Amino acid sequence: MYKAISLPKLNALLLTGSVLLSGSVVAADFSYDQQMLPGAKPWSDAEFQKSSENFQFVVIGDRTGGANQEHTFALAMNQLNLLQPEFVINVGDLIEGYSDDKAELNAEWDEVDKMLAELEMPFFRTPGNHDIANEVAQSVWRDRHGATRYHFVYNDTLFMVLDSEDPPREAPEGIKEKLELYNELQVTDPAKAQAMLAEFMEDESVVAGLAKEIDFGEDQLAWIKDTLAQNADVRWTFLFLHEPAWENASDSFKAIQKLLKKRDHTFLAGHLHYYDYDLIKGHEHITMGPAGASFHHDGPGNVDHIMWVTMTEDGPEIANIALKGVFDRKGMDPSLFGAYDRKGAE
């Protein structure tokens, strides 16, 4: 089938050689030598994937919770600049946190902000348990970044960042000291660091914490309801939160799902440092793998990656890209392999 086009427009395009009529392909920005190629063409007849409605953004996972010493997250900033998405959004845990010292927390955020300053596009934050672990950390977040929940609309698409740490959970005993020791051992004794991580992940309090339901307070539920009502006609809704609340859904999270029941939407989270995909009642719920955080266990979801999302008129197209596979025109630097060839706790 040929795509319909008005005769005056067709004549104008043919005069400039900027139209291809073969199968269903028509592209006003495309031109070729029609005298050299009057008949068969050495290219396929699919349409060019260009639309004013389409846009691309990147989702990136946890940096911390045992940030790796190869600085994977920092390296990813230059990789994101190579890809040139329209913006980047994180699913939480950018600092190690778990401190009640404002100066220490601000120093950690200064380190992160120095990395983010390398980006050539906006970066949107989602609060994680390491970022706002206590009242002091929440205060520092608000001073530096404003609200812990917010929304924005981009190209008729609603983006909602939820606060899955409201209120913060009780921290595992001695977590700050354990993180400091683990990060030190990654440099001085990697094998011991691995053993320590494995022991930590088997700790009863940690296992119980990971299994605990994520509750959302009445204020946040009211905000979610109001935000959805005020943006009822958007073409898609993305919801970002740190902890994948659907893994053991609380009544309050089920209430959120009910509010979204009749609209197209996608949930994205992090926290578990392991990529996982769930299709729940026809809606995608995705847990990101890390971007430098410790690998909690081995398996196919154990990968430092980013998610490249192309929003189309039919919904999002999602491609996960291993950070190891993104390198510049000079080729892969073998010295960087250590940043990506990591194993989880065994």
Protein backbone atom coordinates (compact mmCIF):
# COMPACT_ATOMS: atom_id res chain seq x y z
CA MET A 1 0.00 0.00 0.00
CA TYR A 2 1.15 3.55 -0.75
CA LYS A 3 0.61 6.34 1.75
CA ALA A 4 -1.80 9.03 0.55
CA ILE A 5 -0.21 12.39 -0.19
CA SER A 6 -1.63 15.50 -1.88
CA LEU A 7 -0.64 16.08 -5.54
CA PRO A 8 0.89 19.56 -4.99
CA LYS A 9 2.92 18.26 -2.05
CA LEU A 10 3.97 15.17 -4.02
CA ASN A 11 5.14 17.28 -6.96
CA ALA A 12 7.15 19.52 -4.66
CA LEU A 13 8.79 16.57 -2.95
CA LEU A 14 9.61 14.83 -6.22
CA LEU A 15 11.26 18.00 -7.54
CA THR A 16 13.63 17.99 -4.58
CA GLY A 17 14.13 14.23 -4.52
CA SER A 18 13.02 14.16 -0.86
CA VAL A 19 10.31 11.53 -0.95
CA LEU A 20 10.52 7.77 -1.11
CA LEU A 21 7.42 5.91 -2.25
CA SER A 22 8.11 2.23 -1.79
CA GLY A 23 5.79 0.10 0.26
CA SER A 24 4.59 2.49 2.96
CA VAL A 25 7.65 4.71 3.33
CA VAL A 26 7.28 8.48 3.06
CA ALA A 27 9.89 10.77 4.63
CA ALA A 28 10.08 14.49 3.92
CA ASP A 29 13.61 14.67 5.41
CA PHE A 30 14.94 11.85 3.22
CA SER A 31 16.42 12.32 -0.24
CA TYR A 32 18.39 10.26 -2.75
CA ASP A 33 19.52 10.27 -6.40
CA GLN A 34 16.38 9.19 -8.24
CA GLN A 35 18.16 9.02 -11.62
CA MET A 36 20.58 6.43 -10.24
CA LEU A 37 17.79 4.52 -8.48
CA PRO A 38 14.66 4.80 -10.67
CA GLY A 39 13.27 1.39 -9.74
CA ALA A 40 14.31 -1.16 -7.08
CA LYS A 41 15.99 0.25 -3.98
CA PRO A 42 18.78 -1.24 -1.79
CA TRP A 43 16.83 -0.54 1.40
CA SER A 44 13.69 -1.87 3.02
CA ASP A 45 10.30 -0.17 2.83
CA ALA A 46 9.57 0.26 6.55
CA GLU A 47 8.66 3.75 7.73
CA PHE A 48 11.26 5.97 9.33
CA GLN A 49 10.84 5.95 13.11
CA LYS A 50 10.52 9.69 13.48
CA SER A 51 7.59 11.34 15.18
CA SER A 52 7.08 14.60 17.03
CA GLU A 53 5.14 12.57 19.61
CA ASN A 54 8.03 10.23 20.41
CA PHE A 55 10.68 10.94 23.00
CA GLN A 56 13.39 8.99 24.81
CA PHE A 57 14.48 8.95 28.42
CA VAL A 58 16.69 6.75 30.60
CA VAL A 59 16.01 5.07 33.94
CA ILE A 60 19.03 4.25 36.11
CA GLY A 61 19.16 2.11 39.24
CA ASP A 62 20.81 2.16 42.66
CA ARG A 63 24.32 3.51 43.12
CA THR A 64 24.60 2.67 46.81
CA GLY A 65 23.89 -0.01 49.34
CA GLY A 66 27.54 -0.97 49.01
CA ALA A 67 28.72 1.21 46.12
CA ASN A 68 31.30 -0.66 44.06
CA GLN A 69 34.84 0.67 44.10
CA GLU A 70 35.13 0.62 40.31
CA HIS A 71 32.90 3.72 40.23
CA THR A 72 30.35 2.27 37.80
CA PHE A 73 27.82 5.04 38.46
CA ALA A 74 30.33 7.81 37.80
CA LEU A 75 31.39 6.14 34.55
CA ALA A 76 27.73 5.91 33.53
CA MET A 77 27.42 9.69 33.39
CA ASN A 78 29.64 9.91 30.33
CA GLN A 79 27.87 6.90 28.83
CA LEU A 80 24.53 8.68 29.22
CA ASN A 81 25.97 11.71 27.44
CA LEU A 82 26.89 9.44 24.53
CA LEU A 83 23.28 8.24 24.29
CA GLN A 84 21.73 11.73 24.59
CA PRO A 85 18.35 10.89 26.14
CA GLU A 86 16.04 13.83 26.78
CA PHE A 87 16.34 13.27 30.52
CA VAL A 88 17.38 10.68 33.12
CA ILE A 89 15.44 9.48 36.15
CA ASN A 90 16.83 7.44 39.04
CA VAL A 91 14.92 5.01 41.29
CA GLY A 92 16.71 5.95 44.52
CA ASP A 93 19.78 5.24 46.67
CA LEU A 94 22.40 7.68 45.49
CA ILE A 95 24.24 8.02 48.82
CA GLU A 96 25.16 5.44 51.46
CA GLY A 97 23.47 7.57 54.12
CA TYR A 98 22.27 6.06 57.40
CA SER A 99 23.92 8.94 59.22
CA ASP A 100 22.44 11.55 61.55
CA ASP A 101 25.31 13.96 60.87
CA LYS A 102 24.21 16.75 58.50
CA ALA A 103 27.76 17.61 57.48
CA GLU A 104 28.48 13.99 56.59
CA LEU A 105 25.25 13.64 54.60
CA ASN A 106 25.86 16.89 52.74
CA ALA A 107 29.38 15.73 51.87
CA GLU A 108 27.92 12.56 50.35
CA TRP A 109 25.40 14.57 48.32
CA ASP A 110 28.19 16.91 47.18
CA GLU A 111 30.02 13.86 45.82
CA VAL A 112 26.92 12.73 43.94
CA ASP A 113 26.13 16.19 42.60
CA LYS A 114 29.67 16.45 41.24
CA MET A 115 29.00 13.29 39.20
CA LEU A 116 25.60 14.53 38.05
CA ALA A 117 27.13 17.83 36.94
CA GLU A 118 28.75 15.88 34.09
CA LEU A 119 25.34 15.14 32.56
CA GLU A 120 24.15 17.18 29.59
CA MET A 121 20.45 16.60 30.37
CA PRO A 122 18.14 16.86 33.42
CA PHE A 123 18.40 14.23 36.15
CA PHE A 124 15.33 13.48 38.30
CA ARG A 125 15.81 11.94 41.75
CA THR A 126 13.65 9.40 43.60
CA PRO A 127 14.25 9.09 47.37
CA GLY A 128 15.58 5.72 48.54
CA ASN A 129 16.06 4.23 51.98
CA HIS A 130 19.75 5.17 51.96
CA ASP A 131 18.92 8.73 50.89
CA ILE A 132 16.33 9.57 53.57
CA ALA A 133 16.96 6.94 56.24
CA ASN A 134 16.00 9.14 59.20
CA GLU A 135 14.63 12.56 60.10
CA VAL A 136 18.01 14.25 59.72
CA ALA A 137 18.51 12.74 56.26
CA GLN A 138 14.99 13.77 55.28
CA SER A 139 15.75 17.33 56.37
CA VAL A 140 18.94 17.37 54.29
CA TRP A 141 17.02 16.02 51.28
CA ARG A 142 14.37 18.73 51.58
CA ASP A 143 16.99 21.46 51.97
CA ARG A 144 18.83 20.30 48.85
CA HIS A 145 16.13 18.77 46.65
CA GLY A 146 12.75 19.91 47.94
CA ALA A 147 9.84 17.47 48.25
CA THR A 148 10.27 13.71 48.55
CA ARG A 149 7.30 13.18 46.22
CA TYR A 150 6.50 15.19 43.11
CA HIS A 151 5.23 14.96 39.55
CA PHE A 152 5.84 16.52 36.16
CA VAL A 153 4.30 16.25 32.70
CA TYR A 154 6.47 15.90 29.60
CA ASN A 155 5.05 15.58 26.10
CA ASP A 156 1.58 14.61 27.35
CA THR A 157 3.04 11.95 29.66
CA LEU A 158 2.70 12.04 33.44
CA PHE A 159 5.70 11.17 35.62
CA MET A 160 5.04 10.61 39.32
CA VAL A 161 7.79 10.09 41.89
CA LEU A 162 6.45 8.44 45.04
CA ASP A 163 8.04 8.27 48.48
CA SER A 164 8.25 4.62 49.56
CA GLU A 165 10.13 5.66 52.73
CA ASP A 166 7.26 7.55 54.38
CA PRO A 167 7.91 7.03 57.21
CA PRO A 168 11.45 5.58 57.04
CA ARG A 169 11.81 1.96 58.09
CA GLU A 170 13.83 0.97 61.11
CA ALA A 171 17.42 0.52 59.95
CA PRO A 172 19.21 -2.83 60.38
CA GLU A 173 21.39 -2.72 63.48
CA GLY A 174 24.84 -1.30 62.81
CA ILE A 175 24.10 -0.71 59.11
CA LYS A 176 26.27 2.41 58.80
CA GLU A 177 29.35 0.75 60.27
CA LYS A 178 28.76 -2.39 58.20
CA LEU A 179 28.54 -0.36 54.99
CA GLU A 180 31.77 1.44 55.81
CA LEU A 181 33.55 -1.85 56.50
CA TYR A 182 32.13 -3.50 53.39
CA ASN A 183 33.24 -0.63 51.15
CA GLU A 184 36.71 -0.74 52.72
CA LEU A 185 36.96 -4.52 52.23
CA GLN A 186 36.05 -4.16 48.55
CA VAL A 187 39.45 -2.55 48.15
CA THR A 188 41.58 -4.39 50.72
CA ASP A 189 40.03 -7.89 50.69
CA PRO A 190 37.35 -8.46 47.98
CA ALA A 191 36.80 -12.09 48.98
CA LYS A 192 36.07 -11.08 52.56
CA ALA A 193 33.73 -8.37 51.29
CA GLN A 194 31.79 -10.99 49.33
CA ALA A 195 31.53 -13.22 52.37
CA MET A 196 30.36 -10.29 54.49
CA LEU A 197 27.67 -9.39 51.94
CA ALA A 198 26.42 -12.99 51.81
CA GLU A 199 26.20 -13.11 55.60
CA PHE A 200 24.37 -9.77 55.68
CA MET A 201 21.78 -10.88 53.13
CA GLU A 202 21.03 -13.97 55.24
CA ASP A 203 20.57 -11.98 58.45
CA GLU A 204 17.08 -12.53 59.85
CA SER A 205 16.41 -8.82 60.34
CA VAL A 206 17.42 -8.07 56.74
CA VAL A 207 15.26 -10.88 55.34
CA ALA A 208 12.33 -9.71 57.46
CA GLY A 209 12.83 -6.11 56.35
CA LEU A 210 12.81 -7.05 52.67
CA ALA A 211 9.57 -8.99 53.16
CA LYS A 212 7.80 -6.17 55.01
CA GLU A 213 4.89 -4.41 53.32
CA ILE A 214 5.41 -0.85 52.10
CA ASP A 215 2.74 1.45 53.46
CA PHE A 216 1.76 4.81 52.03
CA GLY A 217 0.29 7.42 54.36
CA GLU A 218 -3.05 9.14 53.90
CA ASP A 219 -1.42 12.42 52.81
CA GLN A 220 0.51 10.69 50.04
CA LEU A 221 -2.54 8.71 48.92
CA ALA A 222 -4.55 11.93 48.73
CA TRP A 223 -1.76 13.58 46.71
CA ILE A 224 -1.65 10.62 44.30
CA LYS A 225 -5.43 10.73 43.85
CA ASP A 226 -5.41 14.50 43.23
CA THR A 227 -2.47 14.36 40.83
CA LEU A 228 -4.11 11.63 38.77
CA ALA A 229 -7.39 13.57 38.68
CA GLN A 230 -5.62 16.73 37.56
CA ASN A 231 -3.88 14.81 34.76
CA ALA A 232 -6.70 12.55 33.66
CA ASP A 233 -6.13 12.90 29.91
CA VAL A 234 -2.41 12.19 29.56
CA ARG A 235 -1.47 9.39 27.17
CA TRP A 236 0.59 7.42 29.73
CA THR A 237 1.57 7.51 33.40
CA PHE A 238 4.95 6.41 34.78
CA LEU A 239 5.28 5.89 38.53
CA PHE A 240 8.70 5.74 40.17
CA LEU A 241 9.37 4.59 43.72
CA HIS A 242 12.39 3.10 45.41
CA GLU A 243 11.00 -0.09 46.92
CA PRO A 244 8.97 -2.43 44.69
CA ALA A 245 5.84 -2.29 46.82
CA TRP A 246 4.03 -4.81 44.61
CA GLU A 247 6.27 -7.66 45.80
CA ASN A 248 4.22 -7.86 49.02
CA ALA A 249 1.44 -5.39 48.40
CA SER A 250 0.01 -3.52 51.37
CA ASP A 251 -3.59 -2.31 51.45
CA SER A 252 -2.37 1.21 50.74
CA PHE A 253 -0.43 0.10 47.66
CA LYS A 254 -3.45 -1.87 46.46
CA ALA A 255 -5.41 1.37 46.81
CA ILE A 256 -2.87 3.06 44.51
CA GLN A 257 -3.21 0.26 41.98
CA LYS A 258 -6.99 0.66 42.11
CA LEU A 259 -6.69 4.38 41.36
CA LEU A 260 -4.65 3.49 38.26
CA LYS A 261 -6.83 0.62 37.11
CA LYS A 262 -8.38 2.38 34.12
CA ARG A 263 -5.34 4.24 32.84
CA ASP A 264 -2.25 3.13 30.94
CA HIS A 265 0.69 3.09 33.32
CA THR A 266 4.05 1.57 34.23
CA PHE A 267 5.67 1.17 37.66
CA LEU A 268 9.47 1.31 38.07
CA ALA A 269 11.46 0.69 41.27
CA GLY A 270 14.89 -0.39 42.51
CA HIS A 271 16.15 -1.38 45.97
CA LEU A 272 16.71 -5.11 45.36
CA HIS A 273 19.79 -4.63 43.14
CA TYR A 274 18.41 -7.25 40.77
CA TYR A 275 16.39 -6.81 37.58
CA ASP A 276 12.90 -8.26 37.69
CA TYR A 277 9.82 -7.96 35.49
CA ASP A 278 6.23 -8.45 36.61
CA LEU A 279 3.07 -8.09 34.54
CA ILE A 280 0.27 -7.50 37.02
CA LYS A 281 -3.26 -7.31 35.65
CA GLY A 282 -1.92 -6.18 32.30
CA HIS A 283 0.38 -3.47 33.69
CA GLU A 284 4.18 -3.61 33.82
CA HIS A 285 5.90 -3.44 37.20
CA ILE A 286 9.68 -3.39 36.74
CA THR A 287 12.47 -3.56 39.32
CA MET A 288 15.73 -2.08 38.04
CA GLY A 289 19.09 -3.76 38.42
CA PRO A 290 21.86 -1.61 39.91
CA ALA A 291 24.25 0.92 38.46
CA GLY A 292 27.14 0.35 40.83
CA ALA A 293 25.39 -0.92 43.97
CA SER A 294 26.37 -4.31 45.42
CA PHE A 295 24.99 -7.40 43.72
CA HIS A 296 22.93 -9.23 46.30
CA HIS A 297 22.91 -12.63 44.59
CA ASP A 298 23.82 -14.21 41.27
CA GLY A 299 21.42 -14.72 38.40
CA PRO A 300 20.30 -13.19 35.09
CA GLY A 301 19.04 -10.01 36.79
CA ASN A 302 22.50 -9.38 38.17
CA VAL A 303 23.63 -6.65 35.78
CA ASP A 304 24.72 -3.01 35.86
CA HIS A 305 22.43 -1.44 33.31
CA ILE A 306 20.24 1.42 32.24
CA MET A 307 16.76 1.30 30.74
CA TRP A 308 16.24 3.17 27.46
CA VAL A 309 12.57 4.09 27.12
CA THR A 310 11.05 5.41 23.90
CA MET A 311 7.59 6.80 24.43
CA THR A 312 5.48 6.22 21.31
CA GLU A 313 1.84 6.81 20.43
CA ASP A 314 1.23 3.14 21.31
CA GLY A 315 2.98 3.27 24.68
CA PRO A 316 6.56 2.79 25.87
CA GLU A 317 9.13 0.68 24.06
CA ILE A 318 11.71 -0.50 26.59
CA ALA A 319 15.29 -1.60 25.92
CA ASN A 320 17.66 -2.55 28.73
CA ILE A 321 21.28 -1.75 27.95
CA ALA A 322 24.14 -3.30 29.92
CA LEU A 323 26.55 -0.50 30.80
CA LYS A 324 29.37 -2.73 29.61
CA GLY A 325 27.93 -2.40 26.10
CA VAL A 326 28.10 1.39 25.91
CA PHE A 327 31.43 2.84 24.78
CA ASP A 328 32.54 5.75 22.65
CA ARG A 329 33.92 5.94 19.11
CA LYS A 330 37.41 5.00 20.30
CA GLY A 331 36.26 1.53 21.33
CA MET A 332 36.07 -0.37 24.60
CA ASP A 333 38.72 0.37 27.19
CA PRO A 334 39.72 -3.05 28.65
CA SER A 335 40.58 -1.37 31.96
CA LEU A 336 36.86 -0.69 32.47
CA PHE A 337 35.80 -4.33 32.40
CA GLY A 338 36.27 -4.56 36.15
CA ALA A 339 33.51 -2.02 36.64
CA TYR A 340 30.97 -4.37 35.08
CA ASP A 341 32.24 -7.93 35.50
CA ARG A 342 31.03 -8.41 39.05
CA LYS A 343 29.38 -11.23 40.91
CA GLY A 344 26.76 -11.25 43.61
CA ALA A 345 26.87 -12.84 47.04
CA GLU A 346 27.30 -16.61 46.77
